[in-house]
N, C-alpha and C. Protein backbone atom coordinates (compact mmCIF):
# COMPACT_ATOMS: atom_id res chain seq x y z
N UNK A 1 -30.36 9.11 -55.11
CA UNK A 1 -30.02 9.98 -56.21
C UNK A 1 -28.65 9.73 -56.84
N UNK A 2 -27.68 9.24 -56.10
CA UNK A 2 -26.36 8.92 -56.55
C UNK A 2 -25.37 10.14 -56.44
N UNK A 3 -25.94 11.14 -55.80
CA UNK A 3 -25.06 12.33 -55.59
C UNK A 3 -24.60 12.26 -54.22
N UNK A 4 -23.17 11.98 -54.06
CA UNK A 4 -22.45 11.79 -52.86
C UNK A 4 -21.70 12.97 -52.45
N UNK A 5 -21.28 13.66 -53.39
CA UNK A 5 -20.31 14.67 -53.01
C UNK A 5 -20.92 15.96 -52.48
N UNK A 6 -20.40 16.47 -51.34
CA UNK A 6 -20.91 17.75 -50.59
C UNK A 6 -20.70 18.72 -51.39
N UNK A 7 -21.51 19.88 -51.23
CA UNK A 7 -21.67 21.11 -52.20
C UNK A 7 -20.86 22.02 -51.28
N UNK A 8 -20.14 22.80 -51.97
CA UNK A 8 -19.51 24.01 -51.44
C UNK A 8 -20.18 25.23 -51.55
N UNK A 9 -20.61 26.16 -50.15
CA UNK A 9 -21.15 27.33 -50.62
C UNK A 9 -20.70 28.16 -49.41
N UNK A 10 -20.83 29.31 -49.54
CA UNK A 10 -20.61 30.39 -48.48
C UNK A 10 -19.54 31.13 -48.92
N UNK A 11 -19.17 32.35 -48.25
CA UNK A 11 -18.03 33.13 -48.49
C UNK A 11 -17.43 33.16 -47.04
N UNK A 12 -15.76 33.21 -47.01
CA UNK A 12 -15.18 33.38 -45.95
C UNK A 12 -13.95 34.13 -46.41
N UNK A 13 -13.48 34.99 -45.15
CA UNK A 13 -12.40 35.67 -45.36
C UNK A 13 -11.28 34.99 -44.35
N UNK A 14 -9.95 34.79 -44.93
CA UNK A 14 -8.95 34.02 -44.15
C UNK A 14 -7.70 34.97 -44.47
N UNK A 15 -6.83 35.03 -43.07
CA UNK A 15 -5.55 35.55 -43.44
C UNK A 15 -4.56 34.38 -43.78
N UNK A 16 -3.67 34.81 -44.66
CA UNK A 16 -2.61 33.84 -45.12
C UNK A 16 -1.28 34.18 -44.17
N UNK A 17 -0.76 33.10 -43.54
CA UNK A 17 0.37 33.12 -42.61
C UNK A 17 1.75 33.33 -43.29
N UNK A 18 2.65 33.49 -42.58
CA UNK A 18 4.04 33.80 -43.24
C UNK A 18 4.63 32.85 -44.07
N UNK A 19 4.17 31.61 -43.99
CA UNK A 19 4.69 30.55 -44.58
C UNK A 19 3.70 30.27 -45.81
N UNK A 20 2.90 31.14 -46.20
CA UNK A 20 2.05 30.91 -47.36
C UNK A 20 0.86 30.14 -47.23
N UNK A 21 0.65 29.82 -46.01
CA UNK A 21 -0.52 28.78 -45.91
C UNK A 21 -1.95 29.50 -45.45
N UNK A 22 -2.95 28.82 -45.90
CA UNK A 22 -4.16 29.28 -45.45
C UNK A 22 -5.15 28.15 -45.07
N UNK A 23 -5.95 28.59 -44.07
CA UNK A 23 -6.99 27.45 -43.50
C UNK A 23 -8.02 27.36 -44.53
N UNK A 24 -8.33 25.92 -44.69
CA UNK A 24 -9.62 25.85 -45.40
C UNK A 24 -10.82 25.95 -44.56
N UNK A 25 -11.85 26.43 -44.88
CA UNK A 25 -13.07 26.47 -43.96
C UNK A 25 -13.54 25.00 -43.45
N UNK A 26 -13.66 25.00 -42.25
CA UNK A 26 -13.93 23.58 -41.57
C UNK A 26 -15.13 22.72 -42.23
N UNK A 27 -16.07 23.22 -42.86
CA UNK A 27 -17.08 22.79 -43.29
C UNK A 27 -16.58 22.27 -44.70
N UNK A 28 -15.65 22.74 -45.25
CA UNK A 28 -15.11 22.15 -46.62
C UNK A 28 -14.21 21.08 -46.29
N UNK A 29 -13.53 20.83 -45.33
CA UNK A 29 -12.34 19.89 -45.16
C UNK A 29 -12.46 18.42 -45.52
N UNK A 30 -13.55 17.91 -45.07
CA UNK A 30 -13.91 16.52 -45.24
C UNK A 30 -13.75 16.03 -46.88
N UNK A 31 -14.47 16.83 -47.71
CA UNK A 31 -14.34 16.71 -49.19
C UNK A 31 -12.91 16.67 -49.73
N UNK A 32 -11.85 17.31 -48.99
CA UNK A 32 -10.46 17.27 -49.45
C UNK A 32 -9.72 16.34 -48.77
N UNK A 33 -10.37 15.33 -47.97
CA UNK A 33 -9.36 14.31 -47.21
C UNK A 33 -8.70 13.37 -48.14
N UNK A 34 -8.97 13.43 -49.41
CA UNK A 34 -8.29 12.47 -50.34
C UNK A 34 -7.27 13.25 -51.08
N UNK A 35 -7.19 14.48 -50.82
CA UNK A 35 -6.18 15.43 -51.69
C UNK A 35 -7.16 16.58 -52.35
N UNK A 36 -6.30 17.47 -52.99
CA UNK A 36 -6.96 18.44 -53.57
C UNK A 36 -6.11 19.04 -54.70
N UNK A 37 -6.55 19.59 -55.65
CA UNK A 37 -5.93 20.15 -56.87
C UNK A 37 -6.24 21.71 -56.78
N UNK A 38 -5.21 22.50 -56.92
CA UNK A 38 -5.25 23.93 -56.99
C UNK A 38 -4.83 24.35 -58.60
N UNK A 39 -5.61 25.34 -59.12
CA UNK A 39 -5.05 25.70 -60.53
C UNK A 39 -5.76 27.07 -60.75
N UNK A 40 -5.36 27.68 -62.02
CA UNK A 40 -5.97 28.92 -62.29
C UNK A 40 -7.36 28.97 -62.55
N UNK A 41 -8.02 29.91 -62.20
CA UNK A 41 -9.37 30.10 -62.63
C UNK A 41 -9.38 30.88 -63.87
N UNK A 42 -10.62 30.77 -64.58
CA UNK A 42 -10.72 31.62 -65.76
C UNK A 42 -10.73 33.06 -65.26
N UNK A 43 -11.31 33.53 -64.13
CA UNK A 43 -11.03 34.88 -63.87
C UNK A 43 -9.73 34.87 -63.06
N UNK A 44 -9.49 35.96 -62.39
CA UNK A 44 -8.15 36.11 -61.74
C UNK A 44 -8.47 35.47 -60.18
N UNK A 45 -8.60 34.12 -59.96
CA UNK A 45 -8.98 33.52 -59.00
C UNK A 45 -7.91 32.26 -59.26
N UNK A 46 -7.89 31.48 -57.87
CA UNK A 46 -7.38 30.26 -57.81
C UNK A 46 -8.74 29.37 -57.44
N UNK A 47 -8.64 28.11 -58.42
CA UNK A 47 -9.76 27.09 -58.06
C UNK A 47 -9.15 25.84 -57.32
N UNK A 48 -9.91 25.47 -56.52
CA UNK A 48 -9.61 24.28 -55.73
C UNK A 48 -10.51 23.14 -55.91
N UNK A 49 -10.20 21.88 -56.41
CA UNK A 49 -11.18 20.89 -56.67
C UNK A 49 -10.81 19.71 -55.67
N UNK A 50 -11.72 19.03 -55.39
CA UNK A 50 -11.35 17.83 -54.66
C UNK A 50 -10.78 16.68 -55.72
N UNK A 51 -9.83 16.11 -55.20
CA UNK A 51 -9.35 15.15 -56.42
C UNK A 51 -10.16 14.31 -57.10
N UNK A 52 -11.19 13.93 -56.71
CA UNK A 52 -12.34 13.05 -57.55
C UNK A 52 -12.66 14.08 -58.46
N UNK A 53 -13.07 15.28 -57.99
CA UNK A 53 -13.65 16.14 -59.01
C UNK A 53 -12.62 16.37 -60.14
N UNK A 54 -11.52 16.84 -59.80
CA UNK A 54 -10.51 16.92 -60.61
C UNK A 54 -10.20 15.89 -61.82
N UNK A 55 -10.23 14.60 -61.21
CA UNK A 55 -10.13 13.51 -62.15
C UNK A 55 -11.19 13.54 -63.03
N UNK A 56 -12.33 14.14 -62.96
CA UNK A 56 -13.56 13.94 -63.64
C UNK A 56 -13.18 14.97 -64.68
N UNK A 57 -13.00 16.32 -64.38
CA UNK A 57 -12.67 17.27 -65.04
C UNK A 57 -11.43 17.03 -66.32
N UNK A 58 -10.48 16.23 -65.63
CA UNK A 58 -9.30 15.96 -66.48
C UNK A 58 -9.56 15.03 -67.39
N UNK A 59 -10.40 14.05 -67.30
CA UNK A 59 -10.95 13.13 -68.21
C UNK A 59 -11.55 13.97 -69.40
N UNK A 60 -12.57 14.59 -69.08
CA UNK A 60 -13.41 15.45 -70.11
C UNK A 60 -12.17 16.35 -71.05
N UNK A 61 -11.21 16.97 -70.36
CA UNK A 61 -10.25 17.74 -71.13
C UNK A 61 -9.40 16.85 -72.00
N UNK A 62 -9.18 15.66 -71.59
CA UNK A 62 -8.16 14.75 -72.31
C UNK A 62 -8.78 14.13 -73.32
N UNK A 63 -10.34 14.24 -73.32
CA UNK A 63 -11.06 13.76 -74.62
C UNK A 63 -11.24 14.68 -75.67
N UNK A 64 -10.71 16.02 -75.38
CA UNK A 64 -10.73 16.76 -76.45
C UNK A 64 -9.59 16.90 -77.52
N UNK A 65 -9.95 16.98 -78.79
CA UNK A 65 -8.88 16.55 -79.79
C UNK A 65 -7.63 17.37 -79.71
N UNK A 66 -6.49 16.91 -79.66
CA UNK A 66 -5.26 17.64 -79.51
C UNK A 66 -4.78 18.36 -80.79
N UNK A 67 -5.72 18.26 -82.07
CA UNK A 67 -5.50 19.00 -83.20
C UNK A 67 -6.06 20.33 -83.32
N UNK A 68 -6.79 20.55 -82.04
CA UNK A 68 -7.48 21.86 -82.08
C UNK A 68 -6.71 22.80 -81.13
N UNK A 69 -6.36 24.00 -81.54
CA UNK A 69 -5.53 24.85 -80.75
C UNK A 69 -6.30 25.41 -79.57
N UNK A 70 -7.54 25.61 -79.55
CA UNK A 70 -8.19 26.11 -78.55
C UNK A 70 -8.33 24.83 -77.28
N UNK A 71 -8.25 23.52 -77.49
CA UNK A 71 -8.15 22.64 -76.71
C UNK A 71 -6.76 22.42 -76.06
N UNK A 72 -5.82 22.68 -76.96
CA UNK A 72 -4.28 22.73 -76.50
C UNK A 72 -4.29 23.64 -75.37
N UNK A 73 -4.71 24.98 -75.70
CA UNK A 73 -4.77 26.31 -74.79
C UNK A 73 -5.43 25.85 -73.53
N UNK A 74 -6.68 25.39 -73.40
CA UNK A 74 -7.42 25.17 -72.39
C UNK A 74 -6.58 24.05 -71.49
N UNK A 75 -5.89 22.98 -72.14
CA UNK A 75 -4.98 22.21 -71.38
C UNK A 75 -3.86 22.69 -70.72
N UNK A 76 -3.39 23.53 -71.33
CA UNK A 76 -2.17 24.32 -70.97
C UNK A 76 -2.61 25.25 -69.70
N UNK A 77 -3.56 26.00 -70.03
CA UNK A 77 -3.91 26.85 -69.11
C UNK A 77 -4.40 26.09 -67.74
N UNK A 78 -4.92 24.96 -67.82
CA UNK A 78 -5.53 24.25 -66.63
C UNK A 78 -4.42 23.51 -65.87
N UNK A 79 -3.56 22.84 -66.83
CA UNK A 79 -2.68 21.90 -66.16
C UNK A 79 -1.15 22.21 -66.00
N UNK A 80 -0.79 23.11 -66.69
CA UNK A 80 0.48 23.80 -66.53
C UNK A 80 0.90 24.54 -65.30
N UNK A 81 -0.26 25.08 -64.66
CA UNK A 81 -0.13 25.81 -63.27
C UNK A 81 -0.93 24.99 -62.25
N UNK A 82 -1.21 23.79 -62.34
CA UNK A 82 -1.84 23.02 -61.40
C UNK A 82 -1.09 22.43 -60.30
N UNK A 83 -1.58 22.25 -59.00
CA UNK A 83 -0.65 21.78 -58.11
C UNK A 83 -1.37 21.01 -57.29
N UNK A 84 -1.08 19.74 -56.70
CA UNK A 84 -1.63 18.82 -55.89
C UNK A 84 -1.26 19.24 -54.55
N UNK A 85 -2.17 19.13 -53.63
CA UNK A 85 -1.85 19.64 -52.06
C UNK A 85 -2.79 18.54 -51.28
N UNK A 86 -2.45 18.51 -50.11
CA UNK A 86 -3.17 17.95 -48.92
C UNK A 86 -3.25 18.77 -47.91
N UNK A 87 -4.30 18.83 -47.18
CA UNK A 87 -4.52 19.35 -45.95
C UNK A 87 -3.64 18.87 -44.83
N UNK A 88 -2.89 19.95 -44.04
CA UNK A 88 -1.94 19.50 -43.06
C UNK A 88 -3.08 19.19 -41.71
N UNK A 89 -2.34 18.89 -40.62
CA UNK A 89 -3.23 18.37 -39.32
C UNK A 89 -4.17 19.54 -38.93
N UNK A 90 -3.94 21.04 -39.47
CA UNK A 90 -4.75 22.04 -38.89
C UNK A 90 -5.66 22.37 -40.03
N UNK A 91 -5.79 21.89 -41.05
CA UNK A 91 -6.73 22.05 -42.08
C UNK A 91 -6.20 23.13 -43.03
N UNK A 92 -4.99 23.27 -43.19
CA UNK A 92 -4.47 24.37 -43.93
C UNK A 92 -3.74 23.73 -45.24
N UNK A 93 -3.44 24.84 -46.08
CA UNK A 93 -2.72 24.14 -47.71
C UNK A 93 -1.95 25.58 -47.64
N UNK A 94 -0.74 25.22 -48.54
CA UNK A 94 0.20 26.10 -48.88
C UNK A 94 -0.39 26.55 -50.23
N UNK A 95 -0.46 27.98 -50.22
CA UNK A 95 -0.75 28.62 -51.86
C UNK A 95 0.33 28.91 -52.53
N UNK A 96 0.75 28.13 -53.46
CA UNK A 96 1.80 28.22 -54.60
C UNK A 96 2.01 29.69 -54.84
N UNK A 97 3.24 30.01 -55.09
CA UNK A 97 3.54 31.40 -55.41
C UNK A 97 3.11 31.94 -56.69
N UNK A 98 3.16 30.96 -57.78
CA UNK A 98 2.56 31.46 -59.05
C UNK A 98 1.19 31.70 -59.24
N UNK A 99 0.49 30.79 -58.37
CA UNK A 99 -1.22 30.83 -58.24
C UNK A 99 -1.48 31.92 -57.39
N UNK A 100 -0.62 32.51 -56.41
CA UNK A 100 -1.02 33.94 -55.69
C UNK A 100 -0.79 34.85 -56.34
N UNK A 101 0.32 34.82 -57.30
CA UNK A 101 0.67 36.14 -58.22
C UNK A 101 -0.53 36.19 -59.31
N UNK A 102 -0.70 35.14 -59.90
CA UNK A 102 -1.87 35.34 -60.78
C UNK A 102 -3.18 35.99 -60.28
N UNK A 103 -3.56 35.45 -59.25
CA UNK A 103 -4.88 35.91 -58.65
C UNK A 103 -4.66 37.05 -57.77
N UNK A 104 -3.38 37.77 -57.67
CA UNK A 104 -3.34 38.93 -57.00
C UNK A 104 -3.67 38.89 -55.48
N UNK A 105 -3.26 37.67 -54.93
CA UNK A 105 -3.64 37.41 -53.45
C UNK A 105 -2.32 37.93 -52.64
N UNK A 106 -2.82 38.76 -51.56
CA UNK A 106 -1.68 39.04 -50.57
C UNK A 106 -1.68 38.57 -49.27
N UNK A 107 -1.93 39.28 -48.42
CA UNK A 107 -2.15 38.82 -46.81
C UNK A 107 -3.37 38.17 -46.71
N UNK A 108 -4.38 38.16 -47.12
CA UNK A 108 -5.70 37.72 -46.70
C UNK A 108 -6.17 37.12 -48.28
N UNK A 109 -7.41 36.24 -48.01
CA UNK A 109 -8.03 35.78 -49.11
C UNK A 109 -9.54 35.53 -48.77
N UNK A 110 -10.28 35.76 -49.93
CA UNK A 110 -11.65 35.33 -49.74
C UNK A 110 -11.67 33.81 -50.46
N UNK A 111 -12.37 33.04 -49.61
CA UNK A 111 -12.74 31.73 -49.90
C UNK A 111 -14.27 31.70 -50.23
N UNK A 112 -14.49 31.35 -51.44
CA UNK A 112 -15.93 31.09 -52.03
C UNK A 112 -16.13 29.82 -52.28
N UNK A 113 -17.32 29.14 -51.78
CA UNK A 113 -17.84 28.07 -52.19
C UNK A 113 -18.69 28.20 -53.39
N UNK A 114 -18.31 27.08 -54.45
CA UNK A 114 -19.10 27.38 -55.87
C UNK A 114 -19.59 26.02 -56.32
N UNK A 115 -20.42 25.59 -55.37
CA UNK A 115 -21.07 24.23 -55.79
C UNK A 115 -20.06 22.97 -55.67
N UNK A 116 -19.50 22.71 -56.70
CA UNK A 116 -18.57 21.59 -56.59
C UNK A 116 -17.00 21.71 -56.53
N UNK A 117 -16.80 23.06 -56.21
CA UNK A 117 -15.13 23.47 -56.26
C UNK A 117 -15.32 24.84 -55.21
N UNK A 118 -14.18 25.15 -55.16
CA UNK A 118 -14.09 26.60 -54.33
C UNK A 118 -13.04 27.32 -54.94
N UNK A 119 -13.36 28.56 -54.91
CA UNK A 119 -12.40 29.72 -55.55
C UNK A 119 -11.74 30.48 -54.32
N UNK A 120 -10.73 30.94 -54.65
CA UNK A 120 -10.00 31.74 -53.56
C UNK A 120 -9.60 33.13 -54.56
N UNK A 121 -10.04 34.33 -53.85
CA UNK A 121 -9.77 35.56 -54.45
C UNK A 121 -9.01 36.57 -53.67
N UNK A 122 -8.44 37.49 -54.20
CA UNK A 122 -7.97 38.93 -53.55
C UNK A 122 -9.36 39.32 -53.13
N UNK A 123 -9.16 40.22 -51.85
CA UNK A 123 -10.37 40.98 -51.47
C UNK A 123 -10.86 41.98 -52.70
N UNK A 124 -9.80 42.58 -53.32
CA UNK A 124 -10.17 43.68 -54.49
C UNK A 124 -10.81 42.91 -55.53
N UNK A 125 -10.59 41.81 -56.11
CA UNK A 125 -10.96 41.19 -57.36
C UNK A 125 -12.29 40.56 -56.88
N UNK A 126 -12.48 40.10 -55.76
CA UNK A 126 -13.65 39.48 -55.39
C UNK A 126 -14.78 40.72 -55.42
N UNK A 127 -14.42 41.89 -54.74
CA UNK A 127 -15.34 42.83 -54.72
C UNK A 127 -15.68 43.27 -56.09
N UNK A 128 -14.83 43.23 -57.10
CA UNK A 128 -15.18 43.66 -58.23
C UNK A 128 -16.07 42.69 -59.04
N UNK A 129 -15.62 41.34 -58.84
CA UNK A 129 -16.37 40.31 -59.27
C UNK A 129 -17.92 40.51 -58.63
N UNK A 130 -18.02 40.65 -57.45
CA UNK A 130 -19.49 40.58 -56.96
C UNK A 130 -20.17 41.73 -57.42
N UNK A 131 -19.56 42.86 -57.75
CA UNK A 131 -20.33 44.20 -58.36
C UNK A 131 -20.80 43.67 -59.66
N UNK A 132 -19.71 43.10 -60.43
CA UNK A 132 -20.13 42.70 -61.67
C UNK A 132 -21.46 41.65 -61.59
N UNK A 133 -21.47 40.69 -60.82
CA UNK A 133 -22.43 39.74 -60.79
C UNK A 133 -23.76 40.49 -60.40
N UNK A 134 -23.71 41.45 -59.50
CA UNK A 134 -24.70 42.00 -59.11
C UNK A 134 -25.58 42.90 -60.27
N UNK A 135 -24.68 43.50 -61.06
CA UNK A 135 -25.07 44.32 -62.19
C UNK A 135 -25.57 43.56 -63.13
N UNK A 136 -25.32 42.32 -63.57
CA UNK A 136 -25.49 41.47 -64.59
C UNK A 136 -26.46 40.18 -64.11
N UNK A 137 -26.78 40.17 -62.79
CA UNK A 137 -27.60 39.09 -62.47
C UNK A 137 -28.86 38.74 -63.33
N UNK A 138 -29.72 39.67 -63.67
CA UNK A 138 -30.72 39.27 -64.55
C UNK A 138 -30.34 38.70 -66.13
N UNK A 139 -29.28 39.27 -66.47
CA UNK A 139 -28.84 38.85 -67.68
C UNK A 139 -28.22 37.57 -67.65
N UNK A 140 -27.61 37.23 -66.45
CA UNK A 140 -26.86 35.94 -66.41
C UNK A 140 -28.08 34.80 -66.21
N UNK A 141 -28.94 35.21 -65.53
CA UNK A 141 -30.12 34.20 -65.36
C UNK A 141 -30.97 34.23 -66.32
N UNK A 142 -31.26 35.01 -67.20
CA UNK A 142 -32.35 34.96 -68.21
C UNK A 142 -31.99 34.00 -69.25
N UNK A 143 -32.34 33.09 -69.61
CA UNK A 143 -32.22 32.17 -70.68
C UNK A 143 -31.84 30.83 -70.25
N UNK A 144 -31.69 30.69 -68.75
CA UNK A 144 -31.19 29.50 -68.24
C UNK A 144 -32.27 28.87 -67.78
N UNK A 145 -32.43 27.68 -67.99
CA UNK A 145 -33.72 27.00 -67.57
C UNK A 145 -33.37 26.19 -66.30
N UNK A 146 -33.35 26.81 -65.39
CA UNK A 146 -33.31 26.06 -63.89
C UNK A 146 -34.63 25.95 -63.21
N UNK A 147 -34.80 24.62 -63.10
CA UNK A 147 -36.38 24.31 -62.52
C UNK A 147 -36.07 23.54 -61.17
């Protein structure tokens, strides 16, 4: 089929250590072996992409016309607060302060696999997002043609 990337799924809660590091779930680590990029998510979360997926997204964004204000804003939102990282020997990454502040993440974090990327949420924001998803599940799926 040509699909070689591993899918990310599941929900995990981890503590953030005194140095601002968080462990990545072991089943996710292999995909981040070549590095990863952290950036702001569209909601109040941090998104983590394997480097290969980030390069694919970056190429799509670079192809947007720079004469369009929406394209410029999406690029600023995505790239101005992006950080490259590598897993340490214990499978941890440092969560940059600006991203932690944006996502309102304190001493613990919810790590959610979302198919081809991972999201990091504060527990409170994740609970709000889950409630919203549960409330709107039928509306979100209606009209989508998934076969």
